[in-house]
Amino acid sequence: MKHLFIINPAAGSHDRTEEYSQVIHRLCREQGLSYEVRVSSAPGEVTRMAREAALTGEEVKIYACGGDGTLKEAAAGAAGFPNAAVTVFSGGSGNDFVKLFDDPKAFFSLERLLDPEEVTFDMIRCNDDLALNICSVGLDARIAADVSRYKRIPLLQGFRAYLASTAVNLVKGISEPYVVEVNGQQFEGDHTFVCVCNGRYYGGGFNPIPEADPTDGMLDVLLVDKVSLLQVPGLIGKYKNGRYQEISHVAHYMQSRCVKVTSKVPTAVNMDGETMAAKEVVMEVAKEKLRFFYPKGLTWQANAECKMQNAEC
């Protein structure tokens, strides 16, 4: 079996290539493992490298060395290949997906990742791409799309860029007109956003649907109606902490295998922290599954409640 480490030097606040490389070489040599270290240099390269490794047919464990975006790319490249398993050797700024587990810090330890357990997770197909964690359309996606632009401004690094993007997008307008199709129902009008969850955490700690289960073959959906600027402070904390039942007058929870969002103009779409723009977005449970491995001994709380039966778009 081969171990492939794909380092994303753009993940996190600084380039950790040297730091990653030192610990990878030391531990893999100590354990006599067959391994390779590769470094990405452009968006999409992690996906390409993971796909190339999976296509060999050889049993391979792929370590996405970075954050949620790096994991998303590696998962998109390896999903559907029975010989390939993926994990994240954490080093990004968010590391939200692994908050699903009871000890997310364990993903910073390569020594623990080299002694793993494994689970099969669902993936989300979003138009022509694949995501592992959470996709969304609307205000939060617009904020994420603009963050990179504000990071180029002096003194607006890190969280300041996020605050600047949030402030500007709130002023521009909180809601946009969408047609949202879920389980044969059509919701037409102004909406703040549509959040489609396979995992549970995104955006640096938001946990909108705590019962989302990436093994149940369903997507957990939260459709948030138009809200005013004055309503935002009273809603955001409840949304962040998964208390959507307390804001059911504007937030509607559903489960489905497919969600379709249509906009008259291209709108921002978030896929595990990466963004694109589209007039029509279809988010559905992908036919491809992902073998995901994690440090032995960790646990995660699967949702044991009954699920709605295979509702299709």
C-alpha atoms as a PDB file:
ATOM      1  CA  MET A   1       0.000   0.000   0.000  1.00  0.00           C
ATOM      2  CA  LYS A   2       1.135   3.529  -0.828  1.00  0.00           C
ATOM      3  CA  HIS A   3       0.764   6.674   1.275  1.00  0.00           C
ATOM      4  CA  LEU A   4       0.402   9.884  -0.755  1.00  0.00           C
ATOM      5  CA  PHE A   5       0.794  13.232   0.991  1.00  0.00           C
ATOM      6  CA  ILE A   6      -0.463  16.236  -0.974  1.00  0.00           C
ATOM      7  CA  ILE A   7       0.632  19.523   0.583  1.00  0.00           C
ATOM      8  CA  ASN A   8      -1.238  22.736  -0.180  1.00  0.00           C
ATOM      9  CA  PRO A   9       1.187  25.612   0.542  1.00  0.00           C
ATOM     10  CA  ALA A  10      -1.662  28.134   0.246  1.00  0.00           C
ATOM     11  CA  ALA A  11      -3.670  26.604   3.107  1.00  0.00           C
ATOM     12  CA  GLY A  12      -3.769  28.467   6.400  1.00  0.00           C
ATOM     13  CA  SER A  13      -2.007  31.667   7.343  1.00  0.00           C
ATOM     14  CA  HIS A  14       1.432  30.652   6.043  1.00  0.00           C
ATOM     15  CA  ASP A  15       3.234  28.067   3.918  1.00  0.00           C
ATOM     16  CA  ARG A  16       3.769  24.948   6.045  1.00  0.00           C
ATOM     17  CA  THR A  17       5.431  22.823   3.341  1.00  0.00           C
ATOM     18  CA  GLU A  18       8.717  22.453   5.214  1.00  0.00           C
ATOM     19  CA  GLU A  19       6.987  21.720   8.507  1.00  0.00           C
ATOM     20  CA  TYR A  20       4.772  19.070   6.901  1.00  0.00           C
ATOM     21  CA  SER A  21       7.667  17.520   4.983  1.00  0.00           C
ATOM     22  CA  GLN A  22       9.877  17.067   8.021  1.00  0.00           C
ATOM     23  CA  VAL A  23       7.313  15.163  10.059  1.00  0.00           C
ATOM     24  CA  ILE A  24       6.143  13.103   7.047  1.00  0.00           C
ATOM     25  CA  HIS A  25       9.659  11.962   6.139  1.00  0.00           C
ATOM     26  CA  ARG A  26      10.592  11.189   9.742  1.00  0.00           C
ATOM     27  CA  LEU A  27       7.545   9.111  10.639  1.00  0.00           C
ATOM     28  CA  CYS A  28       7.197   7.302   7.310  1.00  0.00           C
ATOM     29  CA  ARG A  29      10.864   6.310   7.310  1.00  0.00           C
ATOM     30  CA  GLU A  30      10.647   5.156  10.911  1.00  0.00           C
ATOM     31  CA  GLN A  31       7.706   2.919  10.028  1.00  0.00           C
ATOM     32  CA  GLY A  32       9.166   1.728   6.726  1.00  0.00           C
ATOM     33  CA  LEU A  33       6.202   2.943   4.688  1.00  0.00           C
ATOM     34  CA  SER A  34       6.004   3.341   0.912  1.00  0.00           C
ATOM     35  CA  TYR A  35       5.153   7.013   0.519  1.00  0.00           C
ATOM     36  CA  GLU A  36       5.311  10.050  -1.730  1.00  0.00           C
ATOM     37  CA  VAL A  37       5.100  13.777  -0.972  1.00  0.00           C
ATOM     38  CA  ARG A  38       3.703  16.148  -3.600  1.00  0.00           C
ATOM     39  CA  VAL A  39       3.073  19.892  -3.417  1.00  0.00           C
ATOM     40  CA  SER A  40       0.223  21.614  -5.266  1.00  0.00           C
ATOM     41  CA  SER A  41       0.846  24.901  -7.043  1.00  0.00           C
ATOM     42  CA  ALA A  42      -2.604  25.899  -8.325  1.00  0.00           C
ATOM     43  CA  PRO A  43      -6.309  25.375  -7.612  1.00  0.00           C
ATOM     44  CA  GLY A  44      -7.484  21.975  -8.837  1.00  0.00           C
ATOM     45  CA  GLU A  45      -4.074  20.313  -8.618  1.00  0.00           C
ATOM     46  CA  VAL A  46      -4.901  18.439  -5.411  1.00  0.00           C
ATOM     47  CA  THR A  47      -7.900  16.891  -7.179  1.00  0.00           C
ATOM     48  CA  ARG A  48      -5.766  15.951 -10.183  1.00  0.00           C
ATOM     49  CA  MET A  49      -3.046  14.364  -8.026  1.00  0.00           C
ATOM     50  CA  ALA A  50      -5.572  12.394  -5.971  1.00  0.00           C
ATOM     51  CA  ARG A  51      -7.349  11.187  -9.130  1.00  0.00           C
ATOM     52  CA  GLU A  52      -4.062  10.098 -10.721  1.00  0.00           C
ATOM     53  CA  ALA A  53      -3.188   8.057  -7.628  1.00  0.00           C
ATOM     54  CA  ALA A  54      -6.642   6.452  -7.522  1.00  0.00           C
ATOM     55  CA  LEU A  55      -6.552   5.591 -11.226  1.00  0.00           C
ATOM     56  CA  THR A  56      -3.468   3.374 -10.753  1.00  0.00           C
ATOM     57  CA  GLY A  57      -5.678   0.784  -9.077  1.00  0.00           C
ATOM     58  CA  GLU A  58      -3.109   0.423  -6.294  1.00  0.00           C
ATOM     59  CA  GLU A  59      -4.339   0.620  -2.704  1.00  0.00           C
ATOM     60  CA  VAL A  60      -3.542   4.171  -1.613  1.00  0.00           C
ATOM     61  CA  LYS A  61      -4.106   6.336   1.411  1.00  0.00           C
ATOM     62  CA  ILE A  62      -4.246  10.036   0.494  1.00  0.00           C
ATOM     63  CA  TYR A  63      -3.464  12.696   3.080  1.00  0.00           C
ATOM     64  CA  ALA A  64      -4.752  16.189   2.242  1.00  0.00           C
ATOM     65  CA  CYS A  65      -2.218  18.393   4.014  1.00  0.00           C
ATOM     66  CA  GLY A  66      -4.093  21.633   4.577  1.00  0.00           C
ATOM     67  CA  GLY A  67      -7.633  22.691   5.483  1.00  0.00           C
ATOM     68  CA  ASP A  68     -11.171  22.157   4.299  1.00  0.00           C
ATOM     69  CA  GLY A  69     -10.480  23.326   0.740  1.00  0.00           C
ATOM     70  CA  THR A  70      -7.567  20.899   0.409  1.00  0.00           C
ATOM     71  CA  LEU A  71      -9.675  18.056   1.801  1.00  0.00           C
ATOM     72  CA  LYS A  72     -12.508  18.946  -0.572  1.00  0.00           C
ATOM     73  CA  GLU A  73     -10.181  18.708  -3.588  1.00  0.00           C
ATOM     74  CA  ALA A  74      -8.627  15.403  -2.478  1.00  0.00           C
ATOM     75  CA  ALA A  75     -12.044  13.907  -1.770  1.00  0.00           C
ATOM     76  CA  ALA A  76     -13.341  15.034  -5.175  1.00  0.00           C
ATOM     77  CA  GLY A  77     -10.408  13.288  -6.841  1.00  0.00           C
ATOM     78  CA  ALA A  78     -10.653   9.994  -4.943  1.00  0.00           C
ATOM     79  CA  ALA A  79     -14.412   9.582  -4.411  1.00  0.00           C
ATOM     80  CA  GLY A  80     -15.843   6.502  -6.093  1.00  0.00           C
ATOM     81  CA  PHE A  81     -12.536   4.633  -6.255  1.00  0.00           C
ATOM     82  CA  PRO A  82     -12.625   1.526  -4.025  1.00  0.00           C
ATOM     83  CA  ASN A  83      -8.829   1.426  -3.773  1.00  0.00           C
ATOM     84  CA  ALA A  84      -8.421   4.969  -2.442  1.00  0.00           C
ATOM     85  CA  ALA A  85      -9.050   6.372   1.041  1.00  0.00           C
ATOM     86  CA  VAL A  86      -8.679  10.016   2.089  1.00  0.00           C
ATOM     87  CA  THR A  87      -8.050  11.981   5.255  1.00  0.00           C
ATOM     88  CA  VAL A  88      -6.898  15.461   6.211  1.00  0.00           C
ATOM     89  CA  PHE A  89      -3.605  16.192   7.949  1.00  0.00           C
ATOM     90  CA  SER A  90      -4.936  19.444   9.358  1.00  0.00           C
ATOM     91  CA  GLY A  91      -3.191  22.747   8.830  1.00  0.00           C
ATOM     92  CA  GLY A  92      -5.717  25.167   7.372  1.00  0.00           C
ATOM     93  CA  SER A  93      -7.496  28.069   8.999  1.00  0.00           C
ATOM     94  CA  GLY A  94     -10.919  26.469   9.444  1.00  0.00           C
ATOM     95  CA  ASN A  95     -10.605  22.674   9.622  1.00  0.00           C
ATOM     96  CA  ASP A  96     -14.379  22.544   9.964  1.00  0.00           C
ATOM     97  CA  PHE A  97     -15.192  19.115   8.555  1.00  0.00           C
ATOM     98  CA  VAL A  98     -13.265  17.199  11.249  1.00  0.00           C
ATOM     99  CA  LYS A  99     -15.237  18.979  13.997  1.00  0.00           C
ATOM    100  CA  LEU A 100     -17.674  16.161  13.289  1.00  0.00           C
ATOM    101  CA  PHE A 101     -15.358  14.038  15.473  1.00  0.00           C
ATOM    102  CA  ASP A 102     -15.005  14.258  19.235  1.00  0.00           C
ATOM    103  CA  ASP A 103     -11.310  15.278  19.093  1.00  0.00           C
ATOM    104  CA  PRO A 104     -10.622  17.351  15.953  1.00  0.00           C
ATOM    105  CA  LYS A 105      -7.088  18.165  17.177  1.00  0.00           C
ATOM    106  CA  ALA A 106      -6.140  14.529  16.566  1.00  0.00           C
ATOM    107  CA  PHE A 107      -6.049  15.328  12.830  1.00  0.00           C
ATOM    108  CA  PHE A 108      -2.997  17.524  13.483  1.00  0.00           C
ATOM    109  CA  SER A 109      -1.075  14.389  14.560  1.00  0.00           C
ATOM    110  CA  LEU A 110       0.366  12.336  11.706  1.00  0.00           C
ATOM    111  CA  GLU A 111       1.402   9.679  14.181  1.00  0.00           C
ATOM    112  CA  ARG A 112      -2.258   9.134  15.050  1.00  0.00           C
ATOM    113  CA  LEU A 113      -3.359   9.283  11.408  1.00  0.00           C
ATOM    114  CA  LEU A 114      -0.953   6.442  10.594  1.00  0.00           C
ATOM    115  CA  ASP A 115      -2.961   4.212  12.960  1.00  0.00           C
ATOM    116  CA  PRO A 116      -6.477   4.746  11.560  1.00  0.00           C
ATOM    117  CA  GLU A 117     -10.028   3.530  11.453  1.00  0.00           C
ATOM    118  CA  GLU A 118     -12.229   4.029   8.409  1.00  0.00           C
ATOM    119  CA  VAL A 119     -15.790   5.040   7.528  1.00  0.00           C
ATOM    120  CA  THR A 120     -17.622   5.508   4.214  1.00  0.00           C
ATOM    121  CA  PHE A 121     -19.069   9.004   3.756  1.00  0.00           C
ATOM    122  CA  ASP A 122     -21.541  10.412   1.247  1.00  0.00           C
ATOM    123  CA  MET A 123     -20.529  13.208  -1.108  1.00  0.00           C
ATOM    124  CA  ILE A 124     -22.508  16.122  -2.554  1.00  0.00           C
ATOM    125  CA  ARG A 125     -22.566  16.598  -6.312  1.00  0.00           C
ATOM    126  CA  CYS A 126     -22.890  20.314  -6.967  1.00  0.00           C
ATOM    127  CA  ASN A 127     -23.385  20.836 -10.720  1.00  0.00           C
ATOM    128  CA  ASP A 128     -20.193  19.373 -12.217  1.00  0.00           C
ATOM    129  CA  ASP A 129     -18.167  19.321  -8.990  1.00  0.00           C
ATOM    130  CA  LEU A 130     -18.050  17.261  -5.803  1.00  0.00           C
ATOM    131  CA  ALA A 131     -18.073  18.497  -2.213  1.00  0.00           C
ATOM    132  CA  LEU A 132     -17.799  16.596   1.050  1.00  0.00           C
ATOM    133  CA  ASN A 133     -19.096  18.902   3.736  1.00  0.00           C
ATOM    134  CA  ILE A 134     -21.549  21.764   3.118  1.00  0.00           C
ATOM    135  CA  CYS A 135     -22.771  23.673   0.068  1.00  0.00           C
ATOM    136  CA  SER A 136     -24.736  26.903   0.246  1.00  0.00           C
ATOM    137  CA  VAL A 137     -26.232  29.607  -1.930  1.00  0.00           C
ATOM    138  CA  GLY A 138     -26.898  33.167  -0.815  1.00  0.00           C
ATOM    139  CA  LEU A 139     -25.476  35.598   1.732  1.00  0.00           C
ATOM    140  CA  ASP A 140     -22.880  33.318   3.291  1.00  0.00           C
ATOM    141  CA  ALA A 141     -21.607  32.257  -0.159  1.00  0.00           C
ATOM    142  CA  ARG A 142     -21.369  35.897  -1.262  1.00  0.00           C
ATOM    143  CA  ILE A 143     -19.376  36.722   1.862  1.00  0.00           C
ATOM    144  CA  ALA A 144     -16.998  33.801   1.242  1.00  0.00           C
ATOM    145  CA  ALA A 145     -16.567  34.764  -2.417  1.00  0.00           C
ATOM    146  CA  ASP A 146     -15.516  38.323  -1.515  1.00  0.00           C
ATOM    147  CA  VAL A 147     -13.130  37.464   1.333  1.00  0.00           C
ATOM    148  CA  SER A 148     -10.196  36.746  -0.992  1.00  0.00           C
ATOM    149  CA  ARG A 149     -10.611  40.171  -2.594  1.00  0.00           C
ATOM    150  CA  TYR A 150     -10.501  41.969   0.752  1.00  0.00           C
ATOM    151  CA  LYS A 151      -7.432  39.990   1.847  1.00  0.00           C
ATOM    152  CA  ARG A 152      -5.419  41.915  -0.764  1.00  0.00           C
ATOM    153  CA  ILE A 153      -6.051  45.174   1.086  1.00  0.00           C
ATOM    154  CA  PRO A 154      -3.372  46.105   3.670  1.00  0.00           C
ATOM    155  CA  LEU A 155      -4.527  45.634   7.289  1.00  0.00           C
ATOM    156  CA  LEU A 156      -7.425  43.430   6.167  1.00  0.00           C
ATOM    157  CA  GLN A 157      -5.819  40.044   6.666  1.00  0.00           C
ATOM    158  CA  GLY A 158      -7.401  36.967   8.242  1.00  0.00           C
ATOM    159  CA  PHE A 159     -10.600  37.540  10.199  1.00  0.00           C
ATOM    160  CA  ARG A 160     -10.616  41.262   9.338  1.00  0.00           C
ATOM    161  CA  ALA A 161     -11.185  40.372   5.684  1.00  0.00           C
ATOM    162  CA  TYR A 162     -14.153  38.233   6.708  1.00  0.00           C
ATOM    163  CA  LEU A 163     -15.616  41.078   8.787  1.00  0.00           C
ATOM    164  CA  ALA A 164     -15.156  43.539   5.925  1.00  0.00           C
ATOM    165  CA  SER A 165     -16.837  41.203   3.439  1.00  0.00           C
ATOM    166  CA  THR A 166     -19.703  40.587   5.872  1.00  0.00           C
ATOM    167  CA  ALA A 167     -20.285  44.294   6.444  1.00  0.00           C
ATOM    168  CA  VAL A 168     -20.263  45.156   2.739  1.00  0.00           C
ATOM    169  CA  ASN A 169     -22.603  42.312   1.764  1.00  0.00           C
ATOM    170  CA  LEU A 170     -25.051  43.168   4.521  1.00  0.00           C
ATOM    171  CA  VAL A 171     -25.214  46.718   3.192  1.00  0.00           C
ATOM    172  CA  LYS A 172     -25.595  45.518  -0.421  1.00  0.00           C
ATOM    173  CA  GLY A 173     -28.649  43.494   0.504  1.00  0.00           C
ATOM    174  CA  ILE A 174     -29.233  40.450   2.650  1.00  0.00           C
ATOM    175  CA  SER A 175     -31.661  38.539   0.431  1.00  0.00           C
ATOM    176  CA  GLU A 176     -31.886  37.617  -3.242  1.00  0.00           C
ATOM    177  CA  PRO A 177     -34.734  36.207  -5.390  1.00  0.00           C
ATOM    178  CA  TYR A 178     -34.457  32.438  -5.887  1.00  0.00           C
ATOM    179  CA  VAL A 179     -36.630  29.559  -6.950  1.00  0.00           C
ATOM    180  CA  VAL A 180     -35.804  26.643  -4.650  1.00  0.00           C
ATOM    181  CA  GLU A 181     -37.041  23.112  -5.416  1.00  0.00           C
ATOM    182  CA  VAL A 182     -36.997  20.502  -2.634  1.00  0.00           C
ATOM    183  CA  ASN A 183     -38.941  17.221  -2.533  1.00  0.00           C
ATOM    184  CA  GLY A 184     -41.250  18.309  -5.327  1.00  0.00           C
ATOM    185  CA  GLN A 185     -42.094  21.584  -3.595  1.00  0.00           C
ATOM    186  CA  GLN A 186     -41.190  24.949  -5.082  1.00  0.00           C
ATOM    187  CA  PHE A 187     -40.318  27.948  -2.926  1.00  0.00           C
ATOM    188  CA  GLU A 188     -40.179  31.156  -4.952  1.00  0.00           C
ATOM    189  CA  GLY A 189     -39.248  34.555  -3.560  1.00  0.00           C
ATOM    190  CA  ASP A 190     -36.518  36.408  -1.725  1.00  0.00           C
ATOM    191  CA  HIS A 191     -34.308  34.177   0.425  1.00  0.00           C
ATOM    192  CA  THR A 192     -31.308  34.940   2.608  1.00  0.00           C
ATOM    193  CA  PHE A 193     -29.619  31.644   1.803  1.00  0.00           C
ATOM    194  CA  VAL A 194     -30.004  27.926   1.249  1.00  0.00           C
ATOM    195  CA  CYS A 195     -27.705  25.703   3.311  1.00  0.00           C
ATOM    196  CA  VAL A 196     -27.281  22.069   2.203  1.00  0.00           C
ATOM    197  CA  CYS A 197     -25.450  19.887   4.720  1.00  0.00           C
ATOM    198  CA  ASN A 198     -23.697  16.558   4.448  1.00  0.00           C
ATOM    199  CA  GLY A 199     -21.359  17.418   7.332  1.00  0.00           C
ATOM    200  CA  ARG A 200     -22.081  19.741  10.234  1.00  0.00           C
ATOM    201  CA  TYR A 201     -19.620  22.617  10.577  1.00  0.00           C
ATOM    202  CA  TYR A 202     -18.563  25.374   8.180  1.00  0.00           C
ATOM    203  CA  GLY A 203     -17.554  29.017   8.109  1.00  0.00           C
ATOM    204  CA  GLY A 204     -15.162  28.745  11.053  1.00  0.00           C
ATOM    205  CA  GLY A 205     -17.540  27.062  13.504  1.00  0.00           C
ATOM    206  CA  PHE A 206     -21.116  27.497  12.277  1.00  0.00           C
ATOM    207  CA  ASN A 207     -23.149  24.348  13.007  1.00  0.00           C
ATOM    208  CA  PRO A 208     -26.556  25.047  11.428  1.00  0.00           C
ATOM    209  CA  ILE A 209     -27.913  21.462  11.430  1.00  0.00           C
ATOM    210  CA  PRO A 210     -26.329  19.429  14.274  1.00  0.00           C
ATOM    211  CA  GLU A 211     -28.087  16.199  13.268  1.00  0.00           C
ATOM    212  CA  ALA A 212     -26.659  16.120   9.726  1.00  0.00           C
ATOM    213  CA  ASP A 213     -25.274  12.642   9.082  1.00  0.00           C
ATOM    214  CA  PRO A 214     -22.794  12.066   6.218  1.00  0.00           C
ATOM    215  CA  THR A 215     -23.611   8.339   6.116  1.00  0.00           C
ATOM    216  CA  ASP A 216     -27.410   8.389   5.794  1.00  0.00           C
ATOM    217  CA  GLY A 217     -27.788   9.022   2.060  1.00  0.00           C
ATOM    218  CA  MET A 218     -29.698  12.251   2.660  1.00  0.00           C
ATOM    219  CA  LEU A 219     -28.967  15.978   2.585  1.00  0.00           C
ATOM    220  CA  ASP A 220     -30.128  18.183   5.454  1.00  0.00           C
ATOM    221  CA  VAL A 221     -31.446  21.491   4.140  1.00  0.00           C
ATOM    222  CA  LEU A 222     -32.109  24.824   5.827  1.00  0.00           C
ATOM    223  CA  LEU A 223     -33.952  27.410   3.751  1.00  0.00           C
ATOM    224  CA  VAL A 224     -33.834  30.882   5.300  1.00  0.00           C
ATOM    225  CA  ASP A 225     -36.423  33.418   4.161  1.00  0.00           C
ATOM    226  CA  LYS A 226     -35.838  37.106   3.586  1.00  0.00           C
ATOM    227  CA  VAL A 227     -34.815  38.876   6.796  1.00  0.00           C
ATOM    228  CA  SER A 228     -34.118  42.510   7.606  1.00  0.00           C
ATOM    229  CA  LEU A 229     -30.847  43.966   8.831  1.00  0.00           C
ATOM    230  CA  LEU A 230     -32.471  44.557  12.219  1.00  0.00           C
ATOM    231  CA  GLN A 231     -33.371  40.867  12.490  1.00  0.00           C
ATOM    232  CA  VAL A 232     -29.849  39.587  11.800  1.00  0.00           C
ATOM    233  CA  PRO A 233     -28.365  40.032  15.325  1.00  0.00           C
ATOM    234  CA  GLY A 234     -31.207  38.042  16.890  1.00  0.00           C
ATOM    235  CA  LEU A 235     -30.980  35.231  14.332  1.00  0.00           C
ATOM    236  CA  ILE A 236     -27.287  34.688  13.669  1.00  0.00           C
ATOM    237  CA  GLY A 237     -26.411  33.124  17.039  1.00  0.00           C
ATOM    238  CA  LYS A 238     -29.271  30.645  16.844  1.00  0.00           C
ATOM    239  CA  TYR A 239     -28.358  29.743  13.271  1.00  0.00           C
ATOM    240  CA  LYS A 240     -24.684  29.303  14.202  1.00  0.00           C
ATOM    241  CA  ASN A 241     -25.462  27.000  17.119  1.00  0.00           C
ATOM    242  CA  GLY A 242     -28.012  24.783  15.369  1.00  0.00           C
ATOM    243  CA  ARG A 243     -31.070  26.191  17.144  1.00  0.00           C
ATOM    244  CA  TYR A 244     -33.064  26.544  13.940  1.00  0.00           C
ATOM    245  CA  GLN A 245     -36.244  25.330  15.673  1.00  0.00           C
ATOM    246  CA  GLU A 246     -36.224  28.638  17.582  1.00  0.00           C
ATOM    247  CA  ILE A 247     -36.300  30.648  14.331  1.00  0.00           C
ATOM    248  CA  SER A 248     -38.779  28.469  12.444  1.00  0.00           C
ATOM    249  CA  HIS A 249     -40.714  31.568  11.364  1.00  0.00           C
ATOM    250  CA  VAL A 250     -37.877  32.276   8.883  1.00  0.00           C
ATOM    251  CA  ALA A 251     -35.797  29.050   8.778  1.00  0.00           C
ATOM    252  CA  HIS A 252     -37.310  25.907   7.259  1.00  0.00           C
ATOM    253  CA  TYR A 253     -35.656  22.522   7.826  1.00  0.00           C
ATOM    254  CA  MET A 254     -36.064  19.685   5.314  1.00  0.00           C
ATOM    255  CA  GLN A 255     -34.322  16.518   4.187  1.00  0.00           C
ATOM    256  CA  SER A 256     -33.898  15.551   0.570  1.00  0.00           C
ATOM    257  CA  ARG A 257     -31.611  13.767  -1.847  1.00  0.00           C
ATOM    258  CA  CYS A 258     -31.632  16.746  -4.206  1.00  0.00           C
ATOM    259  CA  VAL A 259     -32.008  20.528  -4.021  1.00  0.00           C
ATOM    260  CA  LYS A 260     -32.242  22.853  -7.014  1.00  0.00           C
ATOM    261  CA  VAL A 261     -31.760  26.632  -6.804  1.00  0.00           C
ATOM    262  CA  THR A 262     -32.436  28.931  -9.761  1.00  0.00           C
ATOM    263  CA  SER A 263     -31.522  32.613  -9.987  1.00  0.00           C
ATOM    264  CA  LYS A 264     -32.116  35.156 -12.754  1.00  0.00           C
ATOM    265  CA  VAL A 265     -28.493  36.288 -12.515  1.00  0.00           C
ATOM    266  CA  PRO A 266     -25.333  34.367 -11.561  1.00  0.00           C
ATOM    267  CA  THR A 267     -25.242  33.966  -7.787  1.00  0.00           C
ATOM    268  CA  ALA A 268     -22.455  32.869  -5.455  1.00  0.00           C
ATOM    269  CA  VAL A 269     -22.240  29.194  -4.526  1.00  0.00           C
ATOM    270  CA  ASN A 270     -20.115  27.902  -1.649  1.00  0.00           C
ATOM    271  CA  MET A 271     -18.664  24.373  -1.806  1.00  0.00           C
ATOM    272  CA  ASP A 272     -16.614  23.529   1.286  1.00  0.00           C
ATOM    273  CA  GLY A 273     -15.178  27.054   1.314  1.00  0.00           C
ATOM    274  CA  GLU A 274     -14.532  27.252  -2.426  1.00  0.00           C
ATOM    275  CA  THR A 275     -16.850  29.438  -4.476  1.00  0.00           C
ATOM    276  CA  MET A 276     -18.269  29.689  -7.975  1.00  0.00           C
ATOM    277  CA  ALA A 277     -21.125  31.609  -9.618  1.00  0.00           C
ATOM    278  CA  ALA A 278     -24.097  30.076 -11.454  1.00  0.00           C
ATOM    279  CA  LYS A 279     -27.697  30.796 -12.408  1.00  0.00           C
ATOM    280  CA  GLU A 280     -28.775  27.211 -11.759  1.00  0.00           C
ATOM    281  CA  VAL A 281     -27.367  25.047  -8.980  1.00  0.00           C
ATOM    282  CA  VAL A 282     -28.264  21.397  -8.407  1.00  0.00           C
ATOM    283  CA  MET A 283     -26.991  19.891  -5.161  1.00  0.00           C
ATOM    284  CA  GLU A 284     -27.658  16.184  -4.759  1.00  0.00           C
ATOM    285  CA  VAL A 285     -26.333  13.094  -3.038  1.00  0.00           C
ATOM    286  CA  ALA A 286     -23.571  11.872  -5.329  1.00  0.00           C
ATOM    287  CA  LYS A 287     -23.383   8.310  -6.546  1.00  0.00           C
ATOM    288  CA  GLU A 288     -19.699   8.395  -5.584  1.00  0.00           C
ATOM    289  CA  LYS A 289     -18.867   7.497  -1.975  1.00  0.00           C
ATOM    290  CA  LEU A 290     -15.697   8.368  -0.092  1.00  0.00           C
ATOM    291  CA  ARG A 291     -13.557   6.107   2.036  1.00  0.00           C
ATOM    292  CA  PHE A 292     -12.457   8.386   4.877  1.00  0.00           C
ATOM    293  CA  PHE A 293      -9.924   7.350   7.508  1.00  0.00           C
ATOM    294  CA  TYR A 294      -9.365   8.970  10.881  1.00  0.00           C
ATOM    295  CA  PRO A 295      -7.262   8.448  14.039  1.00  0.00           C
ATOM    296  CA  LYS A 296      -8.162   5.263  15.878  1.00  0.00           C
ATOM    297  CA  GLY A 297     -10.293   5.783  18.936  1.00  0.00           C
ATOM    298  CA  LEU A 298     -12.161   8.851  17.759  1.00  0.00           C
ATOM    299  CA  THR A 299     -15.938   8.815  17.728  1.00  0.00           C
ATOM    300  CA  TRP A 300     -18.600  10.819  15.962  1.00  0.00           C
ATOM    301  CA  GLN A 301     -22.283  10.982  16.672  1.00  0.00           C
ATOM    302  CA  ALA A 302     -24.298   9.534  13.815  1.00  0.00           C
ATOM    303  CA  ASN A 303     -27.942  10.534  13.704  1.00  0.00           C
ATOM    304  CA  ALA A 304     -30.094   7.595  14.766  1.00  0.00           C
ATOM    305  CA  GLU A 305     -33.439   9.206  13.979  1.00  0.00           C
ATOM    306  CA  CYS A 306     -35.567   8.005  11.073  1.00  0.00           C
ATOM    307  CA  LYS A 307     -34.917   9.725   7.754  1.00  0.00           C
ATOM    308  CA  MET A 308     -37.278  10.664   4.997  1.00  0.00           C
ATOM    309  CA  GLN A 309     -37.315   8.189   2.152  1.00  0.00           C
ATOM    310  CA  ASN A 310     -35.328   8.974  -1.005  1.00  0.00           C
ATOM    311  CA  ALA A 311     -37.060  12.187  -2.088  1.00  0.00           C
ATOM    312  CA  GLU A 312     -35.865  13.206  -5.523  1.00  0.00           C
ATOM    313  CA  CYS A 313     -35.812  16.534  -7.412  1.00  0.00           C
END
